[in-house]
Protein backbone atom coordinates (compact mmCIF):
# COMPACT_ATOMS: atom_id res chain seq x y z
CA UNK A 1 -11.86 -12.40 -47.51
CA UNK A 2 -13.64 -14.72 -45.13
CA UNK A 3 -16.36 -17.23 -45.74
CA UNK A 4 -19.20 -18.47 -43.61
CA UNK A 5 -17.24 -21.72 -43.28
CA UNK A 6 -14.47 -19.79 -41.48
CA UNK A 7 -17.06 -18.45 -39.05
CA UNK A 8 -18.57 -21.90 -38.43
CA UNK A 9 -15.16 -23.40 -37.71
CA UNK A 10 -13.87 -20.58 -35.50
CA UNK A 11 -16.91 -19.38 -33.57
CA UNK A 12 -19.29 -20.74 -30.94
CA UNK A 13 -22.36 -22.35 -32.57
CA UNK A 14 -24.67 -20.13 -30.52
CA UNK A 15 -23.03 -17.03 -31.98
CA UNK A 16 -23.12 -18.51 -35.48
CA UNK A 17 -26.87 -19.08 -35.21
CA UNK A 18 -27.36 -15.53 -33.96
CA UNK A 19 -25.33 -14.24 -36.90
CA UNK A 20 -27.24 -16.30 -39.46
CA UNK A 21 -30.63 -15.24 -38.12
CA UNK A 22 -29.97 -11.51 -38.11
CA UNK A 23 -31.22 -10.91 -41.65
CA UNK A 24 -34.87 -10.52 -42.52
CA UNK A 25 -35.03 -13.96 -44.17
CA UNK A 26 -33.06 -15.78 -41.48
CA UNK A 27 -31.91 -19.32 -42.30
CA UNK A 28 -33.79 -22.58 -42.62
CA UNK A 29 -32.89 -25.41 -40.27
CA UNK A 30 -31.93 -27.71 -43.19
CA UNK A 31 -29.46 -25.09 -44.47
CA UNK A 32 -28.01 -24.64 -40.98
CA UNK A 33 -27.69 -28.41 -40.58
CA UNK A 34 -25.98 -28.69 -43.98
CA UNK A 35 -23.56 -25.91 -43.08
CA UNK A 36 -22.41 -27.72 -39.95
CA UNK A 37 -22.40 -31.12 -41.65
CA UNK A 38 -20.20 -29.73 -44.44
CA UNK A 39 -17.77 -28.46 -41.80
CA UNK A 40 -17.54 -31.79 -39.94
CA UNK A 41 -19.73 -30.63 -37.05
CA UNK A 42 -17.18 -28.05 -35.91
CA UNK A 43 -17.75 -27.00 -32.29
CA UNK A 44 -20.89 -29.11 -32.01
CA UNK A 45 -21.03 -32.89 -31.98
CA UNK A 46 -23.93 -33.72 -34.31
CA UNK A 47 -27.31 -32.67 -35.66
CA UNK A 48 -29.11 -33.62 -32.44
CA UNK A 49 -26.92 -31.21 -30.49
CA UNK A 50 -27.62 -28.55 -33.10
CA UNK A 51 -31.35 -29.19 -32.80
CA UNK A 52 -31.12 -28.89 -29.00
CA UNK A 53 -29.19 -25.64 -29.33
CA UNK A 54 -31.79 -24.19 -31.68
CA UNK A 55 -34.62 -25.32 -29.39
CA UNK A 56 -32.96 -23.72 -26.36
CA UNK A 57 -32.38 -20.50 -28.26
CA UNK A 58 -36.07 -20.44 -29.28
CA UNK A 59 -37.06 -21.00 -25.63
CA UNK A 60 -34.81 -18.09 -24.59
CA UNK A 61 -36.38 -15.81 -27.19
CA UNK A 62 -33.08 -15.30 -29.00
CA UNK A 63 -34.50 -16.71 -32.22
CA UNK A 64 -37.94 -17.58 -33.58
CA UNK A 65 -38.80 -20.69 -35.57
CA UNK A 66 -41.36 -19.56 -38.13
CA UNK A 67 -41.67 -23.05 -39.60
CA UNK A 68 -39.83 -22.07 -42.77
CA UNK A 69 -36.87 -20.31 -41.23
CA UNK A 70 -35.10 -19.35 -38.05
CA UNK A 71 -35.15 -15.60 -37.48
CA UNK A 72 -34.04 -13.25 -34.78
CA UNK A 73 -36.29 -13.12 -31.74
CA UNK A 74 -37.16 -10.44 -29.22
CA UNK A 75 -34.08 -11.19 -27.11
CA UNK A 76 -31.69 -11.47 -30.07
CA UNK A 77 -28.29 -9.90 -29.52
CA UNK A 78 -25.44 -9.25 -31.86
CA UNK A 79 -22.57 -11.72 -31.52
CA UNK A 80 -19.27 -10.22 -30.35
CA UNK A 81 -17.44 -11.22 -33.52
CA UNK A 82 -19.88 -9.11 -35.56
CA UNK A 83 -19.49 -6.06 -33.31
CA UNK A 84 -15.70 -6.44 -33.56
CA UNK A 85 -15.84 -6.68 -37.39
CA UNK A 86 -13.72 -9.81 -37.09
CA UNK A 87 -14.71 -11.05 -40.56
CA UNK A 88 -15.21 -9.34 -43.89
CA UNK A 89 -17.46 -10.86 -46.50
CA UNK A 90 -16.61 -9.30 -49.82
């Protein structure tokens, strides 16, 4: 069994954000920030870098910031680790 913490530590932050925004509800920025903070900013240096990443992904249309949550955008694409079924969440 894998946890979201395993994904955060092992995967590129861009792919993690894509994964977390795939559901209908998406994820709020504070929850995303807390997830990386709890994992010692794995693969990203700090919350400013995370904010820049999210902003760039919004600009690219990969995700949408609805004010309450980050959700998948028109250009959203499935991360490779999801397509490969690399993790199981049971």
